[in-house]
Amino acid sequence: MRDLVVGIDGSTTSWRAFSMAVGIAMRYEARVHACFVLHVPPSADLAVFAVPVTAFVDGDDGGDLGRDVVKELSQAGVKGDFTYVKGDVAHELEELAQSCLADVIVVGRSHHPALHLGGVPRKLLTTGRRPVLVVP
């Protein structure tokens, strides 16, 4: 393994997925590409659509979440980066994986009891072109 993409949104399950990706990267001396995707519905007019963004993401650099991710990568001695984009979460993670030729996409499982996999992991597993690791 050389490159891993991990989706992170600040939730407990996404931090577990990030930790798993960092552990794998340490073992294989790989690079971690962490990505926060601000979900914007495709039918939304971006000029007038207001999306409430949580406090850990501010500006175009990902704010506190981005700084925390970069700090964790540095402390673990793992090469990597943080990306902040807007769009469909599964699509954007797949696009990032394609652009960096990632070996795997790592995502957290939904913590909602009825959704076990949640929309993003399910979509990546059914339509994605790369292996997906879903972390509980």
C-alpha atoms as a PDB file:
ATOM      1  CA  MET A   1       0.000   0.000   0.000  1.00  0.00           C
ATOM      2  CA  ARG A   2       1.220   3.428  -0.892  1.00  0.00           C
ATOM      3  CA  ASP A   3      -1.754   5.787  -0.546  1.00  0.00           C
ATOM      4  CA  LEU A   4      -4.955   5.718   1.499  1.00  0.00           C
ATOM      5  CA  VAL A   5      -7.905   8.101   1.352  1.00  0.00           C
ATOM      6  CA  VAL A   6      -9.916   8.539   4.532  1.00  0.00           C
ATOM      7  CA  GLY A   7     -13.149  10.455   4.934  1.00  0.00           C
ATOM      8  CA  ILE A   8     -13.294  12.502   8.111  1.00  0.00           C
ATOM      9  CA  ASP A   9     -16.052  14.721   9.460  1.00  0.00           C
ATOM     10  CA  GLY A  10     -15.160  15.005  13.141  1.00  0.00           C
ATOM     11  CA  SER A  11     -17.477  12.191  14.269  1.00  0.00           C
ATOM     12  CA  THR A  12     -16.265   9.381  16.516  1.00  0.00           C
ATOM     13  CA  THR A  13     -16.500   6.825  13.720  1.00  0.00           C
ATOM     14  CA  SER A  14     -14.602   9.024  11.284  1.00  0.00           C
ATOM     15  CA  TRP A  15     -11.783   9.473  13.835  1.00  0.00           C
ATOM     16  CA  ARG A  16     -11.690   5.674  14.224  1.00  0.00           C
ATOM     17  CA  ALA A  17     -11.422   5.361  10.453  1.00  0.00           C
ATOM     18  CA  PHE A  18      -8.648   7.979  10.462  1.00  0.00           C
ATOM     19  CA  SER A  19      -6.803   6.076  13.217  1.00  0.00           C
ATOM     20  CA  MET A  20      -7.100   2.849  11.222  1.00  0.00           C
ATOM     21  CA  ALA A  21      -5.733   4.587   8.122  1.00  0.00           C
ATOM     22  CA  VAL A  22      -2.816   6.028  10.114  1.00  0.00           C
ATOM     23  CA  GLY A  23      -2.043   2.597  11.579  1.00  0.00           C
ATOM     24  CA  ILE A  24      -2.020   1.016   8.138  1.00  0.00           C
ATOM     25  CA  ALA A  25       0.113   3.853   6.788  1.00  0.00           C
ATOM     26  CA  MET A  26       2.633   3.390   9.600  1.00  0.00           C
ATOM     27  CA  ARG A  27       2.914  -0.326   8.847  1.00  0.00           C
ATOM     28  CA  TYR A  28       3.343   0.120   5.079  1.00  0.00           C
ATOM     29  CA  GLU A  29       5.056   3.541   5.093  1.00  0.00           C
ATOM     30  CA  ALA A  30       2.137   4.862   3.087  1.00  0.00           C
ATOM     31  CA  ARG A  31       0.607   8.316   2.712  1.00  0.00           C
ATOM     32  CA  VAL A  32      -2.786   9.292   4.185  1.00  0.00           C
ATOM     33  CA  HIS A  33      -5.030  11.686   2.275  1.00  0.00           C
ATOM     34  CA  ALA A  34      -7.712  12.802   4.746  1.00  0.00           C
ATOM     35  CA  CYS A  35     -10.738  14.558   3.281  1.00  0.00           C
ATOM     36  CA  PHE A  36     -13.687  16.462   4.717  1.00  0.00           C
ATOM     37  CA  VAL A  37     -16.521  16.810   2.237  1.00  0.00           C
ATOM     38  CA  LEU A  38     -19.205  19.376   2.902  1.00  0.00           C
ATOM     39  CA  HIS A  39     -22.275  17.658   1.492  1.00  0.00           C
ATOM     40  CA  VAL A  40     -24.118  19.923  -0.928  1.00  0.00           C
ATOM     41  CA  PRO A  41     -27.245  18.434  -2.523  1.00  0.00           C
ATOM     42  CA  PRO A  42     -26.952  18.347  -6.336  1.00  0.00           C
ATOM     43  CA  SER A  43     -30.183  20.290  -6.759  1.00  0.00           C
ATOM     44  CA  ALA A  44     -28.989  23.173  -4.571  1.00  0.00           C
ATOM     45  CA  ASP A  45     -28.280  26.521  -6.170  1.00  0.00           C
ATOM     46  CA  LEU A  46     -24.895  27.289  -4.648  1.00  0.00           C
ATOM     47  CA  ALA A  47     -25.411  31.027  -5.028  1.00  0.00           C
ATOM     48  CA  VAL A  48     -28.356  31.069  -2.627  1.00  0.00           C
ATOM     49  CA  PHE A  49     -28.015  27.808  -0.676  1.00  0.00           C
ATOM     50  CA  ALA A  50     -26.751  28.256   2.869  1.00  0.00           C
ATOM     51  CA  VAL A  51     -25.223  25.212   4.535  1.00  0.00           C
ATOM     52  CA  PRO A  52     -24.749  25.256   8.306  1.00  0.00           C
ATOM     53  CA  VAL A  53     -21.132  24.317   8.865  1.00  0.00           C
ATOM     54  CA  THR A  54     -20.104  23.009  12.253  1.00  0.00           C
ATOM     55  CA  ALA A  55     -17.632  24.912  14.387  1.00  0.00           C
ATOM     56  CA  PHE A  56     -14.665  22.664  13.578  1.00  0.00           C
ATOM     57  CA  VAL A  57     -14.696  23.591   9.894  1.00  0.00           C
ATOM     58  CA  ASP A  58     -14.183  27.225   8.990  1.00  0.00           C
ATOM     59  CA  GLY A  59     -12.915  28.810   5.826  1.00  0.00           C
ATOM     60  CA  ASP A  60     -11.613  26.966   2.797  1.00  0.00           C
ATOM     61  CA  ASP A  61      -8.837  25.137   4.657  1.00  0.00           C
ATOM     62  CA  GLY A  62     -10.976  23.007   6.966  1.00  0.00           C
ATOM     63  CA  GLY A  63     -10.193  25.029  10.089  1.00  0.00           C
ATOM     64  CA  ASP A  64      -9.706  23.152  13.356  1.00  0.00           C
ATOM     65  CA  LEU A  65     -10.449  19.763  11.826  1.00  0.00           C
ATOM     66  CA  GLY A  66      -7.734  20.240   9.211  1.00  0.00           C
ATOM     67  CA  ARG A  67      -5.221  21.407  11.805  1.00  0.00           C
ATOM     68  CA  ASP A  68      -6.063  18.426  14.059  1.00  0.00           C
ATOM     69  CA  VAL A  69      -5.625  15.959  11.200  1.00  0.00           C
ATOM     70  CA  VAL A  70      -2.268  17.423  10.143  1.00  0.00           C
ATOM     71  CA  LYS A  71      -1.110  17.439  13.782  1.00  0.00           C
ATOM     72  CA  GLU A  72      -2.073  13.774  14.261  1.00  0.00           C
ATOM     73  CA  LEU A  73      -0.282  12.777  11.051  1.00  0.00           C
ATOM     74  CA  SER A  74       2.828  14.632  12.158  1.00  0.00           C
ATOM     75  CA  GLN A  75       2.810  13.069  15.626  1.00  0.00           C
ATOM     76  CA  ALA A  76       2.467   9.595  14.103  1.00  0.00           C
ATOM     77  CA  GLY A  77       5.300  10.271  11.662  1.00  0.00           C
ATOM     78  CA  VAL A  78       3.013   9.594   8.709  1.00  0.00           C
ATOM     79  CA  LYS A  79       3.112  11.556   5.477  1.00  0.00           C
ATOM     80  CA  GLY A  80      -0.199  12.928   4.361  1.00  0.00           C
ATOM     81  CA  ASP A  81      -2.487  15.861   3.785  1.00  0.00           C
ATOM     82  CA  PHE A  82      -5.949  17.223   4.436  1.00  0.00           C
ATOM     83  CA  THR A  83      -8.432  18.261   1.768  1.00  0.00           C
ATOM     84  CA  TYR A  84     -11.660  20.214   2.211  1.00  0.00           C
ATOM     85  CA  VAL A  85     -14.160  20.098  -0.642  1.00  0.00           C
ATOM     86  CA  LYS A  86     -17.870  20.580  -1.278  1.00  0.00           C
ATOM     87  CA  GLY A  87     -20.138  18.131  -3.089  1.00  0.00           C
ATOM     88  CA  ASP A  88     -21.384  14.574  -2.877  1.00  0.00           C
ATOM     89  CA  VAL A  89     -19.337  12.792  -0.218  1.00  0.00           C
ATOM     90  CA  ALA A  90     -18.908   9.404  -1.919  1.00  0.00           C
ATOM     91  CA  HIS A  91     -18.166  11.006  -5.288  1.00  0.00           C
ATOM     92  CA  GLU A  92     -15.570  13.394  -3.869  1.00  0.00           C
ATOM     93  CA  LEU A  93     -13.798  10.633  -1.910  1.00  0.00           C
ATOM     94  CA  GLU A  94     -13.718   8.500  -5.052  1.00  0.00           C
ATOM     95  CA  GLU A  95     -12.356  11.434  -7.088  1.00  0.00           C
ATOM     96  CA  LEU A  96      -9.599  12.075  -4.531  1.00  0.00           C
ATOM     97  CA  ALA A  97      -8.734   8.377  -4.521  1.00  0.00           C
ATOM     98  CA  GLN A  98      -8.553   8.426  -8.317  1.00  0.00           C
ATOM     99  CA  SER A  99      -6.342  11.526  -8.391  1.00  0.00           C
ATOM    100  CA  CYS A 100      -3.798  10.135  -5.929  1.00  0.00           C
ATOM    101  CA  LEU A 101      -4.112   6.517  -7.124  1.00  0.00           C
ATOM    102  CA  ALA A 102      -5.117   5.386  -3.633  1.00  0.00           C
ATOM    103  CA  ASP A 103      -5.069   1.704  -2.828  1.00  0.00           C
ATOM    104  CA  VAL A 104      -8.077   1.908  -0.502  1.00  0.00           C
ATOM    105  CA  ILE A 105     -10.731   4.318   0.794  1.00  0.00           C
ATOM    106  CA  VAL A 106     -11.301   4.174   4.551  1.00  0.00           C
ATOM    107  CA  VAL A 107     -14.595   5.430   6.021  1.00  0.00           C
ATOM    108  CA  GLY A 108     -16.440   5.135   9.299  1.00  0.00           C
ATOM    109  CA  ARG A 109     -19.683   3.229   9.649  1.00  0.00           C
ATOM    110  CA  SER A 110     -22.821   5.176  10.478  1.00  0.00           C
ATOM    111  CA  HIS A 111     -23.499   5.342  14.199  1.00  0.00           C
ATOM    112  CA  HIS A 112     -27.238   5.320  13.518  1.00  0.00           C
ATOM    113  CA  PRO A 113     -28.441   1.840  14.608  1.00  0.00           C
ATOM    114  CA  ALA A 114     -30.828   1.347  11.670  1.00  0.00           C
ATOM    115  CA  LEU A 115     -28.303   2.311   8.991  1.00  0.00           C
ATOM    116  CA  HIS A 116     -25.411  -0.005   9.922  1.00  0.00           C
ATOM    117  CA  LEU A 117     -23.458   1.050   6.851  1.00  0.00           C
ATOM    118  CA  GLY A 118     -24.904   4.470   6.168  1.00  0.00           C
ATOM    119  CA  GLY A 119     -25.205   6.175   2.808  1.00  0.00           C
ATOM    120  CA  VAL A 120     -21.564   6.969   2.078  1.00  0.00           C
ATOM    121  CA  PRO A 121     -20.069   3.512   2.772  1.00  0.00           C
ATOM    122  CA  ARG A 122     -22.963   1.825   0.973  1.00  0.00           C
ATOM    123  CA  LYS A 123     -22.534   4.032  -2.097  1.00  0.00           C
ATOM    124  CA  LEU A 124     -18.759   3.512  -2.153  1.00  0.00           C
ATOM    125  CA  LEU A 125     -19.202  -0.250  -1.858  1.00  0.00           C
ATOM    126  CA  THR A 126     -21.785  -0.457  -4.635  1.00  0.00           C
ATOM    127  CA  THR A 127     -20.512   2.080  -7.148  1.00  0.00           C
ATOM    128  CA  GLY A 128     -16.889   2.742  -6.190  1.00  0.00           C
ATOM    129  CA  ARG A 129     -13.925   1.617  -8.244  1.00  0.00           C
ATOM    130  CA  ARG A 130     -11.557   1.096  -5.319  1.00  0.00           C
ATOM    131  CA  PRO A 131     -11.486  -1.204  -2.291  1.00  0.00           C
ATOM    132  CA  VAL A 132     -13.321   0.240   0.712  1.00  0.00           C
ATOM    133  CA  LEU A 133     -12.564  -0.384   4.363  1.00  0.00           C
ATOM    134  CA  VAL A 134     -15.559   0.414   6.601  1.00  0.00           C
ATOM    135  CA  VAL A 135     -14.519   0.901  10.216  1.00  0.00           C
ATOM    136  CA  PRO A 136     -17.148   0.430  12.982  1.00  0.00           C
END
